[in-house]
N, C-alpha and C. Protein backbone atom coordinates (compact mmCIF):
# COMPACT_ATOMS: atom_id res chain seq x y z
N MET A 1 -3.16 22.59 2.04
CA MET A 1 -3.43 21.06 2.69
C MET A 1 -2.58 20.44 1.10
N GLN A 2 -1.59 19.91 1.72
CA GLN A 2 -0.85 19.14 0.27
C GLN A 2 -1.96 18.28 0.14
N LYS A 3 -1.94 18.12 -1.45
CA LYS A 3 -2.38 17.33 -2.28
C LYS A 3 -2.11 15.79 -2.18
N LYS A 4 -2.71 14.41 -1.53
CA LYS A 4 -2.33 13.23 -1.52
C LYS A 4 -2.78 12.49 -3.00
N ASN A 5 -2.36 12.23 -3.81
CA ASN A 5 -2.50 10.99 -4.28
C ASN A 5 -2.56 9.86 -3.96
N ILE A 6 -3.42 8.70 -4.89
CA ILE A 6 -3.65 7.27 -4.22
C ILE A 6 -3.68 6.62 -5.66
N VAL A 7 -2.80 6.12 -5.62
CA VAL A 7 -2.63 4.82 -6.83
C VAL A 7 -3.48 3.71 -6.15
N ILE A 8 -4.21 3.50 -6.55
CA ILE A 8 -3.59 1.47 -6.61
C ILE A 8 -4.02 0.01 -7.37
N LEU A 9 -3.16 -0.92 -7.22
CA LEU A 9 -2.71 -1.11 -8.15
C LEU A 9 -3.63 -2.79 -8.13
N ILE A 10 -4.01 -3.27 -9.37
CA ILE A 10 -5.10 -4.37 -9.19
C ILE A 10 -4.93 -5.56 -10.30
N SER A 11 -5.41 -6.67 -9.70
CA SER A 11 -5.17 -7.92 -11.19
C SER A 11 -6.62 -8.15 -11.18
N GLY A 12 -7.46 -8.17 -10.53
CA GLY A 12 -8.61 -9.06 -10.55
C GLY A 12 -10.21 -8.03 -9.90
N GLN A 13 -10.97 -8.83 -9.54
CA GLN A 13 -12.03 -8.05 -9.29
C GLN A 13 -11.96 -6.56 -8.66
N GLY A 14 -11.04 -6.57 -7.79
CA GLY A 14 -10.66 -4.90 -7.15
C GLY A 14 -11.56 -4.93 -5.58
N SER A 15 -12.09 -6.23 -5.45
CA SER A 15 -12.87 -5.32 -4.28
C SER A 15 -12.21 -4.78 -3.00
N ASN A 16 -10.87 -4.95 -2.79
CA ASN A 16 -10.77 -4.24 -1.89
C ASN A 16 -10.38 -2.32 -2.28
N MET A 17 -9.43 -2.70 -3.42
CA MET A 17 -10.41 -0.75 -4.30
C MET A 17 -11.65 -0.39 -4.09
N GLN A 18 -12.61 -1.29 -4.26
CA GLN A 18 -13.73 -0.96 -4.36
C GLN A 18 -13.75 -0.05 -2.75
N ALA A 19 -13.85 -1.41 -2.30
CA ALA A 19 -14.34 -0.51 -0.32
C ALA A 19 -13.11 0.60 -0.03
N ILE A 20 -12.15 0.92 -0.81
CA ILE A 20 -11.30 2.19 -0.43
C ILE A 20 -11.84 3.41 -0.79
N VAL A 21 -12.26 3.14 -2.29
CA VAL A 21 -13.12 4.20 -3.28
C VAL A 21 -14.08 4.76 -2.19
N ARG A 22 -14.83 3.89 -2.00
CA ARG A 22 -16.08 3.81 -0.76
C ARG A 22 -16.19 4.21 -0.29
N ALA A 23 -14.55 4.61 0.62
CA ALA A 23 -14.75 4.86 2.17
C ALA A 23 -14.05 6.52 1.59
N ALA A 24 -13.43 7.32 1.18
CA ALA A 24 -12.76 7.52 0.33
C ALA A 24 -13.73 8.85 0.24
N GLN A 25 -14.99 8.57 -0.74
CA GLN A 25 -16.07 9.13 -0.66
C GLN A 25 -16.62 9.66 0.28
N ALA A 26 -17.27 8.53 1.56
CA ALA A 26 -18.30 8.47 2.11
C ALA A 26 -17.85 9.16 3.33
N GLN A 27 -16.52 9.41 3.90
CA GLN A 27 -15.79 9.92 4.83
C GLN A 27 -14.71 11.04 4.45
N ARG A 28 -14.60 11.66 3.38
CA ARG A 28 -14.54 12.52 2.61
C ARG A 28 -12.78 13.00 2.77
N TRP A 29 -12.58 12.13 2.28
CA TRP A 29 -10.76 12.52 2.54
C TRP A 29 -10.39 13.38 1.68
N SER A 30 -10.92 13.91 0.65
CA SER A 30 -10.45 14.80 0.13
C SER A 30 -10.14 16.26 0.98
N GLN A 31 -11.79 16.17 1.30
CA GLN A 31 -12.00 18.25 2.76
C GLN A 31 -10.99 17.87 3.68
N ARG A 32 -10.79 16.11 4.32
CA ARG A 32 -10.49 16.21 5.44
C ARG A 32 -8.99 15.73 5.18
N HIS A 33 -8.36 15.39 4.50
CA HIS A 33 -7.17 15.00 4.33
C HIS A 33 -6.23 15.52 3.07
N GLY A 34 -7.27 15.85 1.91
CA GLY A 34 -6.27 16.50 0.99
C GLY A 34 -6.42 15.31 -0.13
N ALA A 35 -6.58 14.07 0.18
CA ALA A 35 -6.34 13.01 -0.75
C ALA A 35 -7.68 12.52 -1.49
N GLN A 36 -7.41 11.83 -2.67
CA GLN A 36 -7.96 11.26 -3.72
C GLN A 36 -7.09 10.45 -4.22
N VAL A 37 -7.99 9.18 -4.57
CA VAL A 37 -7.63 7.86 -4.84
C VAL A 37 -7.72 8.40 -7.30
N LEU A 38 -6.27 8.80 -7.52
CA LEU A 38 -6.50 8.83 -8.49
C LEU A 38 -6.30 7.98 -9.39
N GLY A 39 -6.33 7.29 -9.32
CA GLY A 39 -6.43 6.07 -10.55
C GLY A 39 -6.18 4.66 -10.01
N VAL A 40 -6.48 3.79 -10.95
CA VAL A 40 -6.22 2.53 -10.61
C VAL A 40 -5.41 1.98 -11.91
N VAL A 41 -4.24 1.03 -11.66
CA VAL A 41 -3.15 0.65 -13.05
C VAL A 41 -3.43 -0.90 -12.46
N SER A 42 -3.56 -2.23 -13.88
CA SER A 42 -4.03 -3.56 -13.31
C SER A 42 -2.85 -3.84 -14.47
N ASN A 43 -2.68 -5.33 -14.02
CA ASN A 43 -1.50 -5.74 -15.21
C ASN A 43 -2.52 -6.83 -16.08
N LYS A 44 -3.75 -6.91 -16.13
CA LYS A 44 -4.46 -7.54 -16.89
C LYS A 44 -5.30 -6.93 -17.26
N ALA A 45 -6.18 -6.24 -18.55
CA ALA A 45 -6.39 -5.73 -19.22
C ALA A 45 -8.28 -6.00 -18.94
N ALA A 46 -8.13 -7.14 -19.17
CA ALA A 46 -9.83 -7.78 -18.47
C ALA A 46 -10.03 -7.64 -17.10
N SER A 47 -9.36 -7.27 -16.48
CA SER A 47 -9.82 -6.74 -14.95
C SER A 47 -10.75 -6.28 -14.84
N ALA A 48 -11.62 -6.70 -13.97
CA ALA A 48 -13.32 -6.52 -13.58
C ALA A 48 -13.05 -5.32 -12.91
N GLY A 49 -12.58 -5.15 -12.18
CA GLY A 49 -12.13 -3.73 -11.22
C GLY A 49 -11.78 -2.57 -12.13
N LEU A 50 -11.01 -2.66 -13.04
CA LEU A 50 -10.77 -1.98 -14.45
C LEU A 50 -11.73 -1.16 -14.65
N ALA A 51 -13.14 -1.99 -15.59
CA ALA A 51 -14.30 -1.17 -15.37
C ALA A 51 -15.16 -0.87 -14.66
N TRP A 52 -14.91 -1.38 -13.37
CA TRP A 52 -15.92 -0.93 -12.30
C TRP A 52 -14.98 0.60 -11.92
N ALA A 53 -13.77 0.83 -11.75
CA ALA A 53 -12.51 1.98 -11.37
C ALA A 53 -13.09 3.62 -12.68
N ARG A 54 -13.30 2.94 -14.45
CA ARG A 54 -13.98 4.16 -15.41
C ARG A 54 -14.61 4.46 -14.95
N GLU A 55 -15.83 3.53 -14.43
CA GLU A 55 -17.45 3.73 -14.20
C GLU A 55 -17.26 4.92 -13.10
N GLN A 56 -16.57 4.78 -12.44
CA GLN A 56 -16.67 5.89 -10.83
C GLN A 56 -15.87 7.41 -11.66
N GLY A 57 -14.95 7.19 -13.04
CA GLY A 57 -14.57 8.42 -13.57
C GLY A 57 -12.98 8.37 -13.12
N LEU A 58 -12.38 7.42 -12.63
CA LEU A 58 -11.34 7.08 -11.95
C LEU A 58 -10.28 7.09 -13.17
N ALA A 59 -8.88 7.51 -13.05
CA ALA A 59 -8.22 7.06 -14.35
C ALA A 59 -7.24 5.89 -14.58
N THR A 60 -7.37 4.84 -15.55
CA THR A 60 -6.99 3.71 -15.33
C THR A 60 -5.97 3.53 -16.54
N ALA A 61 -4.54 2.57 -16.32
CA ALA A 61 -3.48 2.23 -17.21
C ALA A 61 -3.91 0.68 -17.10
N VAL A 62 -3.22 -0.10 -17.70
CA VAL A 62 -3.03 -1.09 -18.23
C VAL A 62 -1.40 -1.41 -18.65
N VAL A 63 -0.48 -2.27 -17.65
CA VAL A 63 0.71 -2.64 -17.54
C VAL A 63 0.42 -4.24 -18.19
N GLU A 64 0.41 -4.85 -18.97
CA GLU A 64 0.59 -6.70 -18.80
C GLU A 64 1.82 -7.11 -18.84
N HIS A 65 1.51 -7.40 -18.16
CA HIS A 65 3.12 -8.04 -17.67
C HIS A 65 3.62 -9.02 -18.10
N ALA A 66 2.84 -9.89 -19.22
CA ALA A 66 3.25 -11.21 -20.27
C ALA A 66 3.63 -10.17 -21.36
N ALA A 67 3.83 -9.24 -21.37
CA ALA A 67 4.06 -8.27 -22.25
C ALA A 67 5.48 -7.57 -22.36
N TYR A 68 6.51 -8.11 -20.64
CA TYR A 68 8.02 -7.93 -20.95
C TYR A 68 8.67 -8.79 -20.62
N PRO A 69 10.07 -8.80 -20.80
CA PRO A 69 10.99 -10.38 -20.89
C PRO A 69 11.31 -11.02 -19.19
N THR A 70 11.63 -9.34 -19.05
CA THR A 70 12.11 -9.96 -17.86
C THR A 70 10.78 -9.07 -16.36
N ARG A 71 11.26 -9.34 -14.99
CA ARG A 71 10.31 -8.12 -13.79
C ARG A 71 10.60 -7.10 -14.01
N GLU A 72 12.20 -7.51 -13.67
CA GLU A 72 12.46 -5.48 -13.76
C GLU A 72 12.09 -4.33 -14.84
N ALA A 73 11.71 -5.25 -16.36
CA ALA A 73 11.40 -4.18 -17.24
C ALA A 73 9.78 -4.49 -17.24
N PHE A 74 9.43 -4.81 -16.71
CA PHE A 74 8.01 -4.73 -16.34
C PHE A 74 7.71 -3.60 -14.99
N ASP A 75 8.28 -4.00 -13.71
CA ASP A 75 8.57 -2.88 -13.01
C ASP A 75 8.56 -1.56 -13.19
N ALA A 76 9.95 -1.56 -14.34
CA ALA A 76 10.06 -0.42 -14.38
C ALA A 76 8.69 0.28 -15.48
N GLU A 77 8.57 -0.05 -16.72
CA GLU A 77 7.08 0.25 -16.99
C GLU A 77 5.86 0.69 -16.12
N LEU A 78 5.22 -0.23 -15.21
CA LEU A 78 4.33 -0.42 -14.26
C LEU A 78 5.03 1.43 -13.20
N VAL A 79 6.20 1.31 -12.90
CA VAL A 79 6.45 2.87 -12.08
C VAL A 79 6.33 4.11 -13.41
N ARG A 80 6.61 3.97 -14.28
CA ARG A 80 6.57 4.87 -15.36
C ARG A 80 4.76 5.16 -15.48
N ALA A 81 3.92 3.91 -15.32
CA ALA A 81 2.78 4.24 -15.72
C ALA A 81 2.08 4.80 -14.28
N ILE A 82 2.54 4.61 -13.41
CA ILE A 82 1.75 5.55 -11.69
C ILE A 82 2.28 6.34 -12.17
N ASP A 83 3.69 6.88 -12.31
CA ASP A 83 4.18 8.09 -12.09
C ASP A 83 3.47 9.28 -13.11
N ALA A 84 3.38 8.26 -14.39
CA ALA A 84 2.29 9.48 -15.11
C ALA A 84 0.66 9.78 -15.12
N LEU A 85 0.45 9.13 -14.20
CA LEU A 85 -1.16 9.75 -14.19
C LEU A 85 -1.18 11.18 -13.18
N ASP A 86 -0.20 11.78 -12.65
CA ASP A 86 -0.15 12.99 -12.38
C ASP A 86 1.35 13.38 -12.24
N PRO A 87 1.90 13.93 -13.31
CA PRO A 87 3.42 14.12 -13.53
C PRO A 87 4.06 15.12 -12.35
N GLN A 88 2.80 15.99 -11.90
CA GLN A 88 3.27 17.36 -11.10
C GLN A 88 3.68 16.89 -10.05
N THR A 89 2.91 15.50 -9.14
CA THR A 89 2.66 14.87 -8.05
C THR A 89 2.77 13.77 -7.77
N PRO A 90 3.68 13.40 -7.58
CA PRO A 90 4.25 11.94 -7.07
C PRO A 90 2.97 11.63 -5.86
N PRO A 91 2.93 10.30 -6.30
CA PRO A 91 1.85 9.39 -4.83
C PRO A 91 2.25 9.53 -4.19
N ALA A 92 1.38 9.82 -3.45
CA ALA A 92 1.48 9.98 -1.80
C ALA A 92 1.49 8.12 -1.24
N LEU A 93 0.73 7.48 -1.47
CA LEU A 93 0.73 5.90 -1.22
C LEU A 93 0.38 5.23 -2.54
N VAL A 94 0.68 4.33 -2.32
CA VAL A 94 0.74 2.82 -3.86
C VAL A 94 0.28 1.79 -3.33
N VAL A 95 -1.23 1.68 -3.48
CA VAL A 95 -2.42 0.76 -2.61
C VAL A 95 -1.94 -0.75 -3.49
N LEU A 96 -1.20 -1.86 -3.16
CA LEU A 96 -2.05 -3.52 -3.86
C LEU A 96 -2.51 -3.76 -2.87
N ALA A 97 -3.97 -3.91 -4.35
CA ALA A 97 -4.94 -4.30 -3.69
C ALA A 97 -5.59 -5.66 -4.30
N GLY A 98 -4.58 -7.03 -3.79
CA GLY A 98 -4.98 -8.19 -4.84
C GLY A 98 -4.24 -7.62 -6.19
N PHE A 99 -2.98 -7.42 -6.02
CA PHE A 99 -2.08 -7.19 -7.51
C PHE A 99 -1.20 -8.15 -7.23
N MET A 100 -1.47 -9.34 -7.85
CA MET A 100 -1.19 -10.07 -7.95
C MET A 100 0.50 -10.34 -8.60
N ARG A 101 1.50 -9.89 -8.39
CA ARG A 101 2.57 -9.19 -9.33
C ARG A 101 3.69 -9.54 -7.67
N ILE A 102 4.92 -10.25 -8.08
CA ILE A 102 5.97 -9.48 -6.57
C ILE A 102 6.75 -8.81 -7.15
N LEU A 103 6.98 -8.24 -6.54
CA LEU A 103 7.55 -6.40 -7.21
C LEU A 103 8.94 -6.53 -6.62
N THR A 104 9.99 -6.27 -7.62
CA THR A 104 11.60 -5.99 -7.18
C THR A 104 11.98 -5.15 -6.50
N PRO A 105 13.17 -5.58 -5.97
CA PRO A 105 13.36 -4.67 -4.96
C PRO A 105 13.41 -2.86 -5.43
N ASP A 106 13.64 -2.71 -6.51
CA ASP A 106 14.31 -1.35 -7.50
C ASP A 106 12.40 -0.89 -7.88
N PHE A 107 11.40 -1.26 -7.75
CA PHE A 107 9.87 -0.67 -8.11
C PHE A 107 9.71 -0.34 -6.61
N VAL A 108 10.42 -0.85 -5.38
CA VAL A 108 9.86 -1.37 -3.64
C VAL A 108 10.85 0.07 -3.54
N ASP A 109 12.11 0.40 -3.73
CA ASP A 109 12.90 1.77 -3.24
C ASP A 109 12.23 3.08 -4.10
N HIS A 110 11.77 2.88 -5.02
CA HIS A 110 11.32 3.93 -5.70
C HIS A 110 10.03 4.12 -5.07
N TYR A 111 9.12 4.21 -3.81
CA TYR A 111 8.24 4.14 -3.42
C TYR A 111 8.29 3.91 -2.61
N THR A 112 9.35 3.41 -1.66
CA THR A 112 9.92 3.53 -0.07
C THR A 112 9.25 4.36 0.76
N GLY A 113 8.17 3.53 1.89
CA GLY A 113 7.40 4.84 2.84
C GLY A 113 6.07 4.53 2.63
N ARG A 114 5.47 4.52 1.26
CA ARG A 114 4.59 4.97 0.16
C ARG A 114 3.89 3.84 -0.27
N LEU A 115 4.39 2.96 0.25
CA LEU A 115 4.31 1.61 -0.44
C LEU A 115 3.38 -0.02 0.26
N VAL A 116 2.15 -0.04 0.26
CA VAL A 116 1.25 -0.47 1.72
C VAL A 116 0.69 -1.97 0.50
N ASN A 117 0.00 -3.34 1.74
CA ASN A 117 -0.32 -4.43 0.84
C ASN A 117 -1.33 -4.54 1.81
N ILE A 118 -2.45 -5.48 1.58
CA ILE A 118 -3.15 -6.66 2.67
C ILE A 118 -2.93 -7.92 2.07
N HIS A 119 -2.35 -8.57 3.28
CA HIS A 119 -2.48 -10.09 2.94
C HIS A 119 -3.16 -11.09 3.97
N PRO A 120 -3.81 -12.03 3.78
CA PRO A 120 -5.03 -12.75 4.50
C PRO A 120 -4.29 -13.79 4.77
N SER A 121 -3.69 -13.29 5.56
CA SER A 121 -3.85 -13.88 7.11
C SER A 121 -2.67 -13.00 8.12
N LEU A 122 -2.83 -13.56 9.47
CA LEU A 122 -1.96 -12.98 10.59
C LEU A 122 -0.78 -13.06 10.47
N LEU A 123 -0.37 -12.19 10.18
CA LEU A 123 0.98 -12.02 9.92
C LEU A 123 1.67 -12.24 11.06
N PRO A 124 2.89 -12.99 11.13
CA PRO A 124 3.84 -13.20 10.36
C PRO A 124 3.74 -14.75 10.21
N ALA A 125 2.38 -14.80 10.26
CA ALA A 125 1.97 -16.71 10.11
C ALA A 125 1.75 -16.63 8.68
N PHE A 126 1.67 -17.78 7.64
CA PHE A 126 1.37 -17.31 6.80
C PHE A 126 1.78 -17.08 5.32
N ALA A 127 2.80 -16.00 5.44
CA ALA A 127 3.48 -15.10 4.48
C ALA A 127 3.26 -16.30 3.11
N GLY A 128 3.77 -15.02 2.14
CA GLY A 128 2.70 -16.01 0.48
C GLY A 128 1.70 -16.49 0.35
N LEU A 129 1.59 -17.37 -0.37
CA LEU A 129 0.10 -17.95 -1.24
C LEU A 129 -0.36 -18.76 -0.66
N HIS A 130 -1.97 -19.28 -0.86
CA HIS A 130 -2.34 -20.25 0.03
C HIS A 130 -2.84 -20.56 1.45
N THR A 131 -3.18 -19.11 1.48
CA THR A 131 -2.88 -18.45 3.54
C THR A 131 -4.16 -19.73 3.86
N HIS A 132 -5.04 -19.36 3.07
CA HIS A 132 -6.66 -20.15 3.99
C HIS A 132 -6.50 -22.26 4.32
N ARG A 133 -5.89 -22.23 3.08
CA ARG A 133 -5.37 -23.84 2.57
C ARG A 133 -4.59 -24.10 4.51
N ARG A 134 -3.22 -23.06 4.55
CA ARG A 134 -2.72 -23.53 5.17
C ARG A 134 -3.06 -23.26 6.56
N ALA A 135 -3.71 -22.26 6.53
CA ALA A 135 -4.29 -22.40 8.05
C ALA A 135 -5.37 -23.49 9.17
N ILE A 136 -6.16 -23.45 7.80
CA ILE A 136 -7.47 -24.65 7.93
C ILE A 136 -6.47 -26.34 8.44
N GLU A 137 -5.01 -26.18 7.46
CA GLU A 137 -4.51 -27.47 7.84
C GLU A 137 -3.75 -27.47 8.88
N ALA A 138 -3.17 -26.40 9.16
CA ALA A 138 -2.40 -26.42 10.86
C ALA A 138 -3.00 -26.64 12.02
N GLY A 139 -4.27 -26.61 11.50
CA GLY A 139 -5.49 -26.79 12.98
C GLY A 139 -5.16 -24.98 13.84
N CYS A 140 -5.37 -24.19 12.72
CA CYS A 140 -5.75 -22.84 13.98
C CYS A 140 -6.79 -22.59 14.15
N LYS A 141 -7.22 -22.07 15.00
CA LYS A 141 -8.47 -21.54 15.73
C LYS A 141 -8.94 -20.13 14.97
N PHE A 142 -7.91 -19.69 14.75
CA PHE A 142 -8.26 -18.03 14.52
C PHE A 142 -7.36 -17.64 12.59
N ALA A 143 -7.76 -16.59 11.87
CA ALA A 143 -7.10 -16.28 10.83
C ALA A 143 -7.34 -15.44 10.82
N GLY A 144 -7.09 -14.32 9.55
CA GLY A 144 -7.19 -13.24 9.84
C GLY A 144 -6.71 -12.03 8.51
N ALA A 145 -6.47 -11.35 8.61
CA ALA A 145 -5.62 -10.43 7.41
C ALA A 145 -5.04 -9.19 7.83
N THR A 146 -3.49 -8.45 7.43
CA THR A 146 -2.63 -7.79 7.98
C THR A 146 -2.50 -6.66 6.70
N VAL A 147 -2.75 -5.68 7.29
CA VAL A 147 -1.82 -4.69 6.14
C VAL A 147 -1.11 -4.40 6.68
N HIS A 148 0.04 -4.34 5.59
CA HIS A 148 1.98 -4.05 6.16
C HIS A 148 2.32 -3.09 5.34
N ARG A 149 3.28 -2.34 5.65
CA ARG A 149 4.43 -1.54 4.71
C ARG A 149 4.91 -2.90 3.97
N VAL A 150 5.07 -2.66 3.02
CA VAL A 150 5.81 -3.31 1.62
C VAL A 150 7.36 -3.21 1.29
N THR A 151 8.22 -4.11 1.51
CA THR A 151 9.43 -3.71 1.68
C THR A 151 9.32 -4.74 0.95
N ALA A 152 11.36 -4.81 0.50
CA ALA A 152 11.88 -5.59 -0.57
C ALA A 152 11.63 -7.56 -0.04
N GLU A 153 11.04 -7.98 1.30
CA GLU A 153 10.72 -9.28 1.63
C GLU A 153 9.15 -9.36 2.19
N LEU A 154 9.08 -10.46 1.20
CA LEU A 154 7.55 -10.84 0.86
C LEU A 154 6.85 -10.68 2.22
N ASP A 155 5.85 -10.00 2.28
CA ASP A 155 5.01 -9.89 2.98
C ASP A 155 5.91 -9.88 4.57
N HIS A 156 6.79 -8.46 4.81
CA HIS A 156 7.49 -8.02 5.72
C HIS A 156 7.34 -6.91 5.44
N GLY A 157 7.85 -6.09 6.46
CA GLY A 157 7.58 -4.90 6.93
C GLY A 157 6.33 -4.40 8.23
N GLU A 158 6.42 -2.99 8.34
CA GLU A 158 5.70 -2.55 9.83
C GLU A 158 4.14 -3.08 8.95
N PHE A 159 3.61 -3.86 9.87
CA PHE A 159 2.34 -3.97 10.63
C PHE A 159 1.49 -3.17 10.66
N LEU A 160 0.50 -2.79 10.12
CA LEU A 160 -0.52 -0.91 10.00
C LEU A 160 -2.01 -1.21 10.96
N ASP A 161 -2.08 -2.76 10.61
CA ASP A 161 -3.41 -3.00 11.12
C ASP A 161 -3.89 -4.38 10.67
N GLN A 162 -5.10 -4.89 12.05
CA GLN A 162 -5.13 -6.46 11.72
C GLN A 162 -6.75 -6.45 11.87
N ALA A 163 -7.41 -7.83 11.29
CA ALA A 163 -8.24 -8.43 11.91
C ALA A 163 -8.71 -9.74 11.99
N VAL A 164 -9.17 -10.07 13.07
CA VAL A 164 -8.77 -11.51 13.30
C VAL A 164 -10.97 -12.29 12.94
N VAL A 165 -10.25 -12.99 12.08
CA VAL A 165 -11.79 -14.51 12.52
C VAL A 165 -11.64 -15.45 12.47
N PRO A 166 -12.99 -16.33 13.11
CA PRO A 166 -12.98 -17.69 13.82
C PRO A 166 -12.71 -18.48 12.42
N VAL A 167 -12.00 -19.71 12.87
CA VAL A 167 -11.64 -20.73 11.62
C VAL A 167 -13.22 -22.16 11.56
N LEU A 168 -14.01 -22.08 11.13
CA LEU A 168 -15.39 -22.41 11.84
C LEU A 168 -15.23 -23.96 11.66
N PRO A 169 -15.49 -25.24 12.15
CA PRO A 169 -15.71 -26.26 11.73
C PRO A 169 -16.39 -26.55 10.64
N GLY A 170 -15.59 -27.25 9.56
CA GLY A 170 -16.08 -27.38 7.83
C GLY A 170 -15.38 -26.30 7.44
N ASP A 171 -15.18 -25.68 7.64
CA ASP A 171 -14.14 -24.48 7.13
C ASP A 171 -13.05 -25.03 6.01
N THR A 172 -14.08 -24.54 4.91
CA THR A 172 -12.87 -24.76 3.31
C THR A 172 -12.01 -23.21 3.25
N PRO A 173 -11.32 -23.18 2.63
CA PRO A 173 -10.77 -22.24 2.25
C PRO A 173 -12.06 -21.16 1.45
N ASP A 174 -12.17 -21.07 0.67
CA ASP A 174 -13.20 -20.24 0.14
C ASP A 174 -13.97 -19.77 1.05
N THR A 175 -14.84 -20.69 2.28
CA THR A 175 -15.32 -20.18 3.65
C THR A 175 -15.02 -19.35 3.95
N LEU A 176 -13.52 -19.70 4.66
CA LEU A 176 -12.61 -18.70 5.29
C LEU A 176 -12.30 -17.68 4.65
N ALA A 177 -12.04 -17.56 3.21
CA ALA A 177 -11.47 -16.20 1.99
C ALA A 177 -13.09 -15.39 2.43
N ALA A 178 -14.04 -16.09 2.16
CA ALA A 178 -14.73 -15.39 2.02
C ALA A 178 -15.19 -13.77 3.44
N ARG A 179 -15.41 -15.07 4.50
CA ARG A 179 -14.92 -14.31 6.26
C ARG A 179 -14.41 -13.33 6.73
N VAL A 180 -12.74 -14.21 5.65
CA VAL A 180 -11.69 -12.84 5.68
C VAL A 180 -11.17 -11.55 4.94
N LEU A 181 -12.22 -11.78 3.79
CA LEU A 181 -12.39 -10.64 3.05
C LEU A 181 -13.51 -9.73 3.58
N THR A 182 -14.37 -10.30 4.22
CA THR A 182 -15.07 -8.89 5.02
C THR A 182 -14.81 -8.22 5.53
N GLN A 183 -14.04 -8.96 6.56
CA GLN A 183 -13.34 -7.91 7.67
C GLN A 183 -11.30 -6.45 6.55
N GLU A 184 -11.11 -7.13 5.65
CA GLU A 184 -10.28 -6.72 4.90
C GLU A 184 -10.63 -5.73 4.33
N HIS A 185 -11.91 -5.31 3.74
CA HIS A 185 -12.87 -4.11 3.25
C HIS A 185 -13.18 -3.13 4.74
N LEU A 186 -12.59 -3.53 5.84
CA LEU A 186 -12.85 -2.75 6.47
C LEU A 186 -11.60 -1.86 6.90
N ILE A 187 -10.74 -2.97 7.37
CA ILE A 187 -9.31 -2.51 7.76
C ILE A 187 -8.61 -1.89 7.11
N TYR A 188 -8.20 -2.29 5.59
CA TYR A 188 -7.90 -1.51 4.51
C TYR A 188 -7.95 -0.30 4.43
N PRO A 189 -9.39 0.71 4.27
CA PRO A 189 -9.08 1.90 4.12
C PRO A 189 -9.02 2.51 5.74
N ARG A 190 -9.06 1.97 6.82
CA ARG A 190 -8.53 2.16 8.15
C ARG A 190 -7.62 2.49 7.82
N ALA A 191 -6.36 1.58 7.93
CA ALA A 191 -4.98 1.90 7.72
C ALA A 191 -4.52 3.11 6.84
N ILE A 192 -5.33 3.08 5.64
CA ILE A 192 -4.93 3.99 4.69
C ILE A 192 -5.52 5.18 5.30
N GLU A 193 -6.94 5.72 5.86
CA GLU A 193 -6.84 7.28 6.26
C GLU A 193 -5.69 7.33 7.53
N ARG A 194 -5.52 6.47 8.42
CA ARG A 194 -4.53 7.01 9.31
C ARG A 194 -3.16 7.31 8.68
N LEU A 195 -2.45 6.43 7.76
CA LEU A 195 -1.68 7.36 6.87
C LEU A 195 -1.59 8.32 6.64
N LEU A 196 -2.66 8.68 6.35
CA LEU A 196 -3.15 9.77 5.01
C LEU A 196 -3.26 11.28 6.35
N ALA A 197 -3.79 10.60 7.79
CA ALA A 197 -4.54 12.01 8.73
C ALA A 197 -3.09 12.14 8.72
N PRO A 198 -2.75 13.84 9.44
CA PRO A 198 -1.15 14.59 9.67
C PRO A 198 -1.48 14.16 10.96
N ALA A 199 -0.42 14.30 11.63
CA ALA A 199 0.57 14.05 13.00
C ALA A 199 -0.47 14.95 13.37
N VAL A 200 -0.47 14.63 14.87
CA VAL A 200 -1.58 15.44 16.07
C VAL A 200 -0.31 16.01 17.46
């Protein structure tokens, strides 16, 4: 069975990263799909998610975006750090899990077909930032999250999974975000496992 490395990019707590790692362990992705979460890379050295990843025995790396003069220079170093985690086996998937940087076309091209993201809205609605506030202000009855392939165009690309939650009377962006996040933790591992499973 071909080895399939997964590298996860985070900026903060990494709750989706944690959900993916736990699913990989509980659902035995290594035995069933030859897949492993190889490592976690963050653009912030103080990211709480990095500490958690280290406690799980995962490889970690930090590429501080503030240390680079341009997005292109940062992304080039990010590619180097990701690919250096296993020089013999390029990652099968690079998973954006709360990674708060817009990636350049060169980065996206390097991982074409292997780059996935989760966005906290029902795309194509509310691409970009402040999704929960915008959904509430628009009077939406429902909100949710979308797992999608990453393309050079922000929050576009093939949809891989979605989850829907109600927008409740009195919701704030924070309460809605918390409700959506519980569903993100379910659909992101599910979508990734589908990508890992061999076609039948």
